[in-house]
Amino acid sequence: MLTQKTKDTVKATAPVLAQHGYDIIKHFYRNLLSTHPELKNVFNMRHQERGEQQQALARAVYAYAANIEDPQSLEAVLKNIANKHVSLDVRPDQYPIVGEHLLAAIKAVLGDAATDDIISAWAQAYGNLADILMGMESELREDASDRPGGWVSWRDFVVRAKQPESDVITSFVLEPADGKPVMDFEPGQYISVAVQVPRLGLQQIRQYSLSDAPNGRTYRISVKREGGTDPAQAGYVSTLLHDQVQPGDTIKVAAPHGTFYVDVNARTPVVLISGGVGLTPMISMLKRILQSPGRDVVFVHGARNSAVHAMKDRLRQAAQQHPHFKTIIFYSEPLPGDQEGKDYDYPGLVDIDRIANQILIPDADYYICGPLPFMRMQHDALLGKGIREAKIHYEVFGPDLFAE
């Protein structure tokens, strides 16, 4: 339990750390990965190169400090982090290593301003946070181990099918190499995939939403080729999956986790709002919801055009077969052959104002997935239409997801 003095010290120094946050975290990652190069197999090296991981951790540290008096306010964020850690196979013995290098980075960047009292307070705060996360992660591992078809850490899966869904998205059907069942999951959750990336000489891990309903035998992920064809921007793992991984190949998979999923037991209407590859968890949600007759579903999706609009034929067919399901499609850059009213419903970006009369449904739950600016826009638009925060659901990527 943290003392009030420790909390006061952490709160008082949080703005200083925020001011120097990026430099602290950059120093932290540089020394951590230099001293423990084996952790490069855990961290997303493309995000490291772009500085995205550094910025995310800096924001997380500040958010924890700013809310240290009310840790309950961060419960959703901590649950999200714990799920991601278990999916990445982060282990308890790695926490002291991270803590040591984080404190050393604070001291190195702040210099004499980082007094012994300040470092001591942050050490206690980090220890408290680590204990909370390790407790959550232990429960998640135990649950995954106890469930039928469940497992902890990595399991070999064979690629049984590979199917292009659009010019940029390809689906992979994965089946356990041991032929045994796989655990069920909540529609909207993800799995981690670990592959060796020869150009890095490292293992890299990526988390992909499951894009099919649970069936107890296989998992399906639908992967966007990140960064296009520019080698400097191309995703290490998505490029490898698209170009090199073929049916019959074996990859490592972690059990399903994640805090973003639809309540399959509810009977309230559902509005799914996605942009780009954000439709993948929505497909899983949709398929599961449609297994419960009579539940109204509206699927709003935004894509550039038909060339990159994945699974459009499946969605159109589902809408024809289920009277309680309808789609609303926006194309921001329609191709010459794309027909309004047939291939898509509205030109431009997804605009809540234009479809308010179709999606503002009493008691509906709203699920949003897509690029961060897209989610911010749709979240704020729904709030502006009077939808309560509790009815808006999204993947929490960081503690300040919708902060300016």
Protein backbone atom coordinates (compact mmCIF):
# COMPACT_ATOMS: atom_id res chain seq x y z
CA MET A 1 0.00 0.00 0.00
CA LEU A 2 1.38 3.39 -0.97
CA THR A 3 1.75 6.04 1.71
CA GLN A 4 0.20 9.46 1.23
CA LYS A 5 3.69 10.96 1.11
CA THR A 6 4.58 8.67 -1.79
CA LYS A 7 1.38 9.56 -3.64
CA ASP A 8 1.97 13.28 -3.09
CA THR A 9 5.54 13.02 -4.37
CA VAL A 10 4.49 11.13 -7.47
CA LYS A 11 1.66 13.56 -8.23
CA ALA A 12 3.89 16.58 -7.68
CA THR A 13 6.58 15.28 -10.02
CA ALA A 14 4.23 13.92 -12.70
CA PRO A 15 4.17 17.21 -14.70
CA VAL A 16 7.98 17.27 -14.77
CA LEU A 17 8.08 13.71 -16.03
CA ALA A 18 5.42 14.55 -18.60
CA GLN A 19 7.53 17.46 -19.83
CA HIS A 20 10.53 15.17 -20.31
CA GLY A 21 8.50 12.01 -20.89
CA TYR A 22 9.57 11.21 -24.42
CA ASP A 23 13.28 11.69 -23.63
CA ILE A 24 12.95 9.52 -20.52
CA ILE A 25 11.24 6.70 -22.36
CA LYS A 26 13.62 6.93 -25.33
CA HIS A 27 16.53 6.60 -22.91
CA PHE A 28 14.72 3.76 -21.16
CA TYR A 29 14.14 1.70 -24.29
CA ARG A 30 17.65 2.31 -25.65
CA ASN A 31 19.35 1.04 -22.49
CA LEU A 32 16.82 -1.73 -21.83
CA LEU A 33 17.17 -3.26 -25.29
CA SER A 34 20.93 -2.81 -25.26
CA THR A 35 21.29 -4.59 -21.92
CA HIS A 36 18.59 -7.19 -22.62
CA PRO A 37 18.54 -7.70 -26.40
CA GLU A 38 16.35 -10.78 -25.94
CA LEU A 39 13.45 -8.40 -25.25
CA LYS A 40 13.58 -7.26 -28.87
CA ASN A 41 11.73 -10.51 -29.51
CA VAL A 42 8.83 -9.11 -27.46
CA PHE A 43 8.70 -5.44 -28.47
CA ASN A 44 7.28 -4.25 -31.78
CA MET A 45 10.44 -3.05 -33.51
CA ARG A 46 8.58 -1.12 -36.22
CA HIS A 47 6.80 0.87 -33.51
CA GLN A 48 10.18 1.38 -31.86
CA GLU A 49 11.61 2.83 -35.06
CA ARG A 50 8.67 5.19 -35.48
CA GLY A 51 8.70 6.30 -31.83
CA GLU A 52 5.13 5.14 -31.31
CA GLN A 53 5.95 2.77 -28.45
CA GLN A 54 7.96 5.45 -26.67
CA GLN A 55 5.11 7.95 -26.85
CA ALA A 56 2.54 5.40 -25.68
CA LEU A 57 4.58 4.39 -22.62
CA ALA A 58 5.31 8.03 -21.74
CA ARG A 59 1.57 8.78 -21.76
CA ALA A 60 0.84 5.67 -19.71
CA VAL A 61 3.38 6.61 -17.03
CA TYR A 62 1.94 10.09 -16.75
CA ALA A 63 -1.66 8.82 -16.63
CA TYR A 64 -0.79 6.44 -13.80
CA ALA A 65 0.88 9.24 -11.84
CA ALA A 66 -1.98 11.68 -12.43
CA ASN A 67 -4.54 9.13 -11.21
CA ILE A 68 -2.56 7.58 -8.38
CA GLU A 69 -5.14 8.73 -5.80
CA ASP A 70 -7.92 7.01 -7.72
CA PRO A 71 -6.51 3.85 -9.32
CA GLN A 72 -10.05 2.60 -9.98
CA SER A 73 -10.31 5.21 -12.74
CA LEU A 74 -7.60 3.30 -14.60
CA GLU A 75 -9.16 -0.13 -14.15
CA ALA A 76 -10.21 -0.45 -17.81
CA VAL A 77 -6.76 0.63 -18.98
CA LEU A 78 -4.99 -1.79 -16.64
CA LYS A 79 -7.23 -4.67 -17.72
CA ASN A 80 -6.39 -3.87 -21.33
CA ILE A 81 -2.65 -3.79 -20.57
CA ALA A 82 -2.84 -7.06 -18.62
CA ASN A 83 -4.60 -8.80 -21.51
CA LYS A 84 -1.98 -7.58 -23.97
CA HIS A 85 0.86 -8.63 -21.66
CA VAL A 86 -0.48 -12.17 -21.31
CA SER A 87 -1.01 -12.37 -25.06
CA LEU A 88 2.61 -11.28 -25.57
CA ASP A 89 3.79 -13.81 -22.95
CA VAL A 90 5.20 -11.09 -20.69
CA ARG A 91 6.47 -12.79 -17.52
CA PRO A 92 6.70 -11.66 -13.86
CA ASP A 93 10.51 -11.85 -13.88
CA GLN A 94 10.59 -9.14 -16.55
CA TYR A 95 8.94 -6.52 -14.31
CA PRO A 96 12.01 -5.86 -12.10
CA ILE A 97 14.15 -5.45 -15.23
CA VAL A 98 11.75 -2.88 -16.67
CA GLY A 99 11.48 -1.07 -13.33
CA GLU A 100 15.26 -0.85 -12.93
CA HIS A 101 15.74 0.70 -16.35
CA LEU A 102 12.75 3.04 -16.03
CA LEU A 103 14.07 4.51 -12.78
CA ALA A 104 17.56 4.77 -14.23
CA ALA A 105 16.15 6.67 -17.21
CA ILE A 106 14.32 9.13 -14.94
CA LYS A 107 17.54 9.74 -13.02
CA ALA A 108 19.64 10.12 -16.16
CA VAL A 109 17.33 12.64 -17.85
CA LEU A 110 16.35 14.72 -14.81
CA GLY A 111 19.80 14.65 -13.24
CA ASP A 112 20.06 16.31 -9.82
CA ALA A 113 16.36 17.18 -9.91
CA ALA A 114 15.64 13.47 -9.41
CA THR A 115 16.39 13.34 -5.69
CA ASP A 116 16.60 10.15 -3.68
CA ASP A 117 13.13 10.83 -2.28
CA ILE A 118 11.66 11.21 -5.76
CA ILE A 119 13.31 8.06 -7.10
CA SER A 120 12.20 6.16 -3.99
CA ALA A 121 8.59 7.32 -4.44
CA TRP A 122 8.56 6.31 -8.10
CA ALA A 123 10.12 2.97 -7.25
CA GLN A 124 7.30 2.30 -4.80
CA ALA A 125 4.68 3.47 -7.30
CA TYR A 126 6.11 1.25 -10.02
CA GLY A 127 6.20 -1.70 -7.63
CA ASN A 128 2.55 -1.14 -6.73
CA LEU A 129 1.55 -0.93 -10.41
CA ALA A 130 3.58 -4.06 -11.22
CA ASP A 131 1.87 -5.97 -8.42
CA ILE A 132 -1.58 -4.98 -9.73
CA LEU A 133 -0.73 -6.02 -13.28
CA MET A 134 0.95 -9.28 -12.27
CA GLY A 135 -2.12 -10.18 -10.22
CA MET A 136 -4.42 -9.53 -13.17
CA GLU A 137 -2.14 -11.44 -15.52
CA SER A 138 -1.93 -14.43 -13.19
CA GLU A 139 -5.73 -14.66 -13.16
CA LEU A 140 -5.88 -14.45 -16.96
CA ARG A 141 -3.29 -17.23 -17.36
CA GLU A 142 -5.10 -19.43 -14.88
CA ASP A 143 -8.39 -18.88 -16.70
CA ALA A 144 -6.85 -19.68 -20.10
CA SER A 145 -5.23 -22.82 -18.70
CA ASP A 146 -8.45 -24.09 -17.10
CA ARG A 147 -10.78 -23.55 -20.06
CA PRO A 148 -11.47 -26.40 -22.52
CA GLY A 149 -8.97 -26.15 -25.36
CA GLY A 150 -7.04 -23.45 -23.51
CA TRP A 151 -3.32 -23.03 -23.07
CA VAL A 152 -0.67 -20.65 -21.70
CA SER A 153 2.24 -19.14 -23.65
CA TRP A 154 2.70 -20.36 -27.25
CA ARG A 155 1.14 -23.19 -29.23
CA ASP A 156 1.97 -24.34 -32.76
CA PHE A 157 -0.75 -23.74 -35.35
CA VAL A 158 -0.80 -24.76 -39.01
CA VAL A 159 -2.07 -22.40 -41.70
CA ARG A 160 -4.93 -24.39 -43.25
CA ALA A 161 -6.19 -21.71 -45.65
CA LYS A 162 -5.10 -18.35 -47.00
CA GLN A 163 -7.69 -16.18 -48.76
CA PRO A 164 -7.36 -12.63 -50.15
CA GLU A 165 -10.25 -10.47 -48.95
CA SER A 166 -9.26 -7.26 -50.78
CA ASP A 167 -6.20 -5.69 -52.37
CA VAL A 168 -4.68 -5.15 -48.90
CA ILE A 169 -6.33 -7.68 -46.54
CA THR A 170 -5.82 -11.46 -46.48
CA SER A 171 -7.43 -14.00 -44.14
CA PHE A 172 -5.60 -16.93 -42.58
CA VAL A 173 -7.37 -19.96 -41.08
CA LEU A 174 -5.25 -21.46 -38.30
CA GLU A 175 -5.61 -24.95 -36.85
CA PRO A 176 -3.66 -26.45 -33.91
CA ALA A 177 -0.79 -28.65 -35.06
CA ASP A 178 -1.70 -31.18 -32.35
CA GLY A 179 -5.23 -31.56 -33.76
CA LYS A 180 -6.81 -30.81 -30.38
CA PRO A 181 -9.64 -28.30 -29.78
CA VAL A 182 -9.10 -24.59 -29.24
CA MET A 183 -10.70 -22.49 -26.53
CA ASP A 184 -13.70 -20.33 -27.33
CA PHE A 185 -13.37 -16.56 -27.25
CA GLU A 186 -15.50 -13.49 -26.92
CA PRO A 187 -16.34 -12.01 -30.35
CA GLY A 188 -14.01 -9.03 -30.76
CA GLN A 189 -10.97 -10.50 -29.01
CA TYR A 190 -7.56 -11.07 -30.62
CA ILE A 191 -4.77 -13.62 -30.72
CA SER A 192 -1.03 -13.01 -30.86
CA VAL A 193 1.02 -14.47 -33.70
CA ALA A 194 4.79 -14.93 -33.32
CA VAL A 195 7.01 -15.39 -36.39
CA GLN A 196 10.70 -15.15 -37.16
CA VAL A 197 11.53 -12.11 -39.31
CA PRO A 198 14.76 -12.90 -41.21
CA ARG A 199 15.49 -9.27 -42.12
CA LEU A 200 15.64 -8.45 -38.39
CA GLY A 201 17.04 -11.74 -37.15
CA LEU A 202 14.35 -11.57 -34.48
CA GLN A 203 11.04 -13.01 -33.47
CA GLN A 204 8.26 -10.48 -33.79
CA ILE A 205 4.78 -10.65 -32.27
CA ARG A 206 1.62 -9.03 -33.57
CA GLN A 207 -1.92 -9.10 -32.28
CA TYR A 208 -4.72 -9.65 -34.77
CA SER A 209 -8.45 -9.60 -34.12
CA LEU A 210 -10.26 -12.86 -34.73
CA SER A 211 -12.54 -12.43 -37.74
CA ASP A 212 -14.83 -15.42 -37.37
CA ALA A 213 -17.26 -16.74 -34.77
CA PRO A 214 -15.92 -19.33 -32.29
CA ASN A 215 -16.10 -22.91 -33.59
CA GLY A 216 -13.81 -24.83 -31.22
CA ARG A 217 -11.55 -26.08 -34.05
CA THR A 218 -9.86 -23.17 -35.83
CA TYR A 219 -9.19 -19.45 -35.61
CA ARG A 220 -9.32 -16.95 -38.47
CA ILE A 221 -7.44 -13.67 -38.63
CA SER A 222 -7.65 -11.10 -41.41
CA VAL A 223 -4.41 -9.18 -41.83
CA LYS A 224 -3.85 -5.84 -43.55
CA ARG A 225 -0.56 -5.36 -45.37
CA GLU A 226 0.82 -2.42 -43.40
CA GLY A 227 2.80 0.34 -45.05
CA GLY A 228 2.21 -0.68 -48.65
CA THR A 229 5.18 -1.64 -50.82
CA ASP A 230 7.68 0.86 -49.38
CA PRO A 231 10.25 -1.29 -47.52
CA ALA A 232 10.98 1.59 -45.15
CA GLN A 233 7.35 1.66 -44.00
CA ALA A 234 6.13 -1.88 -44.64
CA GLY A 235 5.06 -3.88 -41.63
CA TYR A 236 7.59 -6.56 -40.77
CA VAL A 237 5.03 -9.21 -39.84
CA SER A 238 2.11 -8.31 -42.12
CA THR A 239 4.42 -8.28 -45.15
CA LEU A 240 5.87 -11.65 -44.19
CA LEU A 241 2.40 -13.15 -43.70
CA HIS A 242 1.16 -11.82 -47.04
CA ASP A 243 4.25 -12.68 -49.10
CA GLN A 244 5.85 -15.73 -47.51
CA VAL A 245 3.54 -17.66 -45.18
CA GLN A 246 1.61 -20.31 -47.10
CA PRO A 247 -0.92 -23.08 -46.29
CA GLY A 248 0.89 -25.87 -44.46
CA ASP A 249 3.30 -23.53 -42.69
CA THR A 250 3.45 -23.49 -38.88
CA ILE A 251 3.36 -20.38 -36.70
CA LYS A 252 3.16 -19.77 -32.96
CA VAL A 253 -0.13 -18.54 -31.54
CA ALA A 254 -1.14 -17.28 -28.08
CA ALA A 255 -4.61 -17.89 -26.66
CA PRO A 256 -7.37 -15.30 -27.29
CA HIS A 257 -7.45 -12.25 -25.04
CA GLY A 258 -8.76 -8.69 -25.09
CA THR A 259 -11.28 -6.44 -23.40
CA PHE A 260 -13.13 -5.25 -26.51
CA TYR A 261 -15.98 -7.64 -27.27
CA VAL A 262 -19.73 -7.73 -27.71
CA ASP A 263 -22.07 -8.93 -24.98
CA VAL A 264 -23.56 -12.00 -26.65
CA ASN A 265 -26.12 -12.47 -23.87
CA ALA A 266 -27.70 -9.03 -24.29
CA ARG A 267 -30.72 -8.48 -26.50
CA THR A 268 -30.33 -4.75 -27.04
CA PRO A 269 -29.72 -3.45 -30.59
CA VAL A 270 -26.12 -3.23 -31.75
CA VAL A 271 -24.48 -0.64 -34.00
CA LEU A 272 -21.03 -1.61 -35.32
CA ILE A 273 -18.93 1.26 -36.68
CA SER A 274 -15.62 0.45 -38.36
CA GLY A 275 -13.03 1.99 -40.62
CA GLY A 276 -10.62 0.07 -42.85
CA VAL A 277 -9.22 -3.09 -41.29
CA GLY A 278 -11.17 -2.20 -38.13
CA LEU A 279 -13.97 -4.31 -39.56
CA THR A 280 -12.18 -7.58 -38.60
CA PRO A 281 -13.41 -7.83 -34.98
CA MET A 282 -16.80 -6.56 -36.14
CA ILE A 283 -17.15 -9.54 -38.49
CA SER A 284 -16.64 -11.87 -35.54
CA MET A 285 -19.17 -9.91 -33.47
CA LEU A 286 -21.66 -9.87 -36.33
CA LYS A 287 -21.49 -13.59 -37.03
CA ARG A 288 -22.04 -14.40 -33.36
CA ILE A 289 -24.91 -11.90 -32.97
CA LEU A 290 -26.69 -13.27 -36.04
CA GLN A 291 -26.73 -16.67 -34.36
CA SER A 292 -29.26 -15.15 -31.91
CA PRO A 293 -32.38 -14.46 -34.01
CA GLY A 294 -34.22 -11.20 -33.61
CA ARG A 295 -31.40 -8.94 -32.38
CA ASP A 296 -31.20 -5.78 -34.50
CA VAL A 297 -27.77 -4.96 -35.94
CA VAL A 298 -26.58 -2.04 -38.05
CA PHE A 299 -23.07 -2.28 -39.51
CA VAL A 300 -21.54 1.07 -40.55
CA HIS A 301 -18.26 0.75 -42.41
CA GLY A 302 -15.92 3.18 -44.11
CA ALA A 303 -13.38 2.21 -46.79
CA ARG A 304 -11.57 4.04 -49.56
CA ASN A 305 -13.28 2.05 -52.32
CA SER A 306 -14.28 -1.44 -53.46
CA ALA A 307 -10.68 -2.53 -54.07
CA VAL A 308 -9.83 -2.33 -50.36
CA HIS A 309 -13.30 -3.10 -48.98
CA ALA A 310 -12.80 -6.54 -47.43
CA MET A 311 -15.58 -9.12 -47.13
CA LYS A 312 -18.10 -6.89 -48.89
CA ASP A 313 -19.84 -9.81 -50.64
CA ARG A 314 -20.22 -11.70 -47.36
CA LEU A 315 -21.75 -8.66 -45.69
CA ARG A 316 -24.15 -8.07 -48.57
CA GLN A 317 -25.25 -11.70 -48.50
CA ALA A 318 -25.74 -11.64 -44.73
CA ALA A 319 -27.91 -8.52 -45.04
CA GLN A 320 -30.09 -10.30 -47.59
CA GLN A 321 -30.51 -13.35 -45.37
CA HIS A 322 -31.18 -11.61 -42.04
CA PRO A 323 -34.08 -9.13 -41.88
CA HIS A 324 -32.78 -7.63 -38.61
CA PHE A 325 -29.38 -6.75 -40.13
CA LYS A 326 -28.50 -3.83 -42.41
CA THR A 327 -25.27 -2.28 -43.66
CA ILE A 328 -24.36 1.35 -44.32
CA ILE A 329 -21.20 1.77 -46.40
CA PHE A 330 -19.14 4.93 -46.99
CA TYR A 331 -16.44 5.15 -49.70
CA SER A 332 -14.07 8.10 -49.31
CA GLU A 333 -12.41 7.65 -52.72
CA PRO A 334 -14.80 5.65 -54.97
CA LEU A 335 -13.32 4.06 -58.07
CA PRO A 336 -14.86 4.94 -61.47
CA GLY A 337 -16.71 1.62 -61.50
CA ASP A 338 -18.05 1.88 -57.94
CA GLN A 339 -21.77 2.55 -57.97
CA GLU A 340 -23.49 4.59 -55.29
CA GLY A 341 -26.53 2.70 -54.04
CA LYS A 342 -25.02 -0.64 -55.02
CA ASP A 343 -21.39 -0.83 -53.92
CA TYR A 344 -21.71 1.90 -51.29
CA ASP A 345 -24.36 4.12 -49.77
CA TYR A 346 -22.57 7.43 -49.20
CA PRO A 347 -19.46 9.10 -50.61
CA GLY A 348 -16.93 10.55 -48.17
CA LEU A 349 -15.89 9.64 -44.65
CA VAL A 350 -18.22 7.99 -42.16
CA ASP A 351 -20.47 10.81 -41.00
CA ILE A 352 -22.78 10.20 -38.05
CA ASP A 353 -24.85 13.30 -38.90
CA ARG A 354 -25.81 11.86 -42.29
CA ILE A 355 -27.07 8.57 -40.87
CA ALA A 356 -28.32 9.65 -37.44
CA ASN A 357 -31.90 8.65 -38.24
CA GLN A 358 -30.69 5.11 -39.04
CA ILE A 359 -28.37 4.44 -36.10
CA LEU A 360 -29.76 6.42 -33.16
CA ILE A 361 -31.73 3.51 -31.76
CA PRO A 362 -33.11 3.39 -28.20
CA ASP A 363 -30.98 1.26 -25.84
CA ALA A 364 -28.48 0.40 -28.60
CA ASP A 365 -24.85 -0.40 -27.83
CA TYR A 366 -22.24 1.12 -30.14
CA TYR A 367 -18.93 -0.59 -30.95
CA ILE A 368 -16.16 1.37 -32.70
CA CYS A 369 -12.96 0.05 -34.27
CA GLY A 370 -10.53 1.59 -36.73
CA PRO A 371 -7.64 4.06 -36.90
CA LEU A 372 -7.28 6.30 -33.85
CA PRO A 373 -8.51 9.53 -35.54
CA PHE A 374 -11.51 7.61 -36.87
CA MET A 375 -12.43 6.31 -33.43
CA ARG A 376 -12.07 9.74 -31.85
CA MET A 377 -14.35 11.25 -34.49
CA GLN A 378 -17.08 8.64 -34.16
CA HIS A 379 -16.90 8.58 -30.36
CA ASP A 380 -17.27 12.35 -30.12
CA ALA A 381 -20.04 12.40 -32.73
CA LEU A 382 -22.05 9.82 -30.78
CA LEU A 383 -21.61 11.78 -27.55
CA GLY A 384 -22.77 14.88 -29.40
CA LYS A 385 -25.94 13.02 -30.38
CA GLY A 386 -26.71 12.26 -26.75
CA ILE A 387 -25.42 8.67 -26.60
CA ARG A 388 -24.17 7.90 -23.09
CA GLU A 389 -20.48 7.01 -22.66
CA ALA A 390 -21.48 3.69 -21.08
CA LYS A 391 -23.15 2.66 -24.35
CA ILE A 392 -20.04 3.38 -26.48
CA HIS A 393 -17.44 0.61 -26.60
CA TYR A 394 -13.99 0.67 -28.16
CA GLU A 395 -10.56 -0.84 -27.82
CA VAL A 396 -8.58 1.10 -25.20
CA PHE A 397 -5.18 1.52 -26.84
CA GLY A 398 -3.85 3.90 -24.20
CA PRO A 399 -4.86 5.88 -21.13
CA ASP A 400 -5.49 9.07 -23.11
CA LEU A 401 -7.21 7.52 -26.11
CA PHE A 402 -9.48 10.50 -26.71
CA ALA A 403 -7.30 13.25 -25.24
CA GLU A 404 -6.16 16.08 -27.43
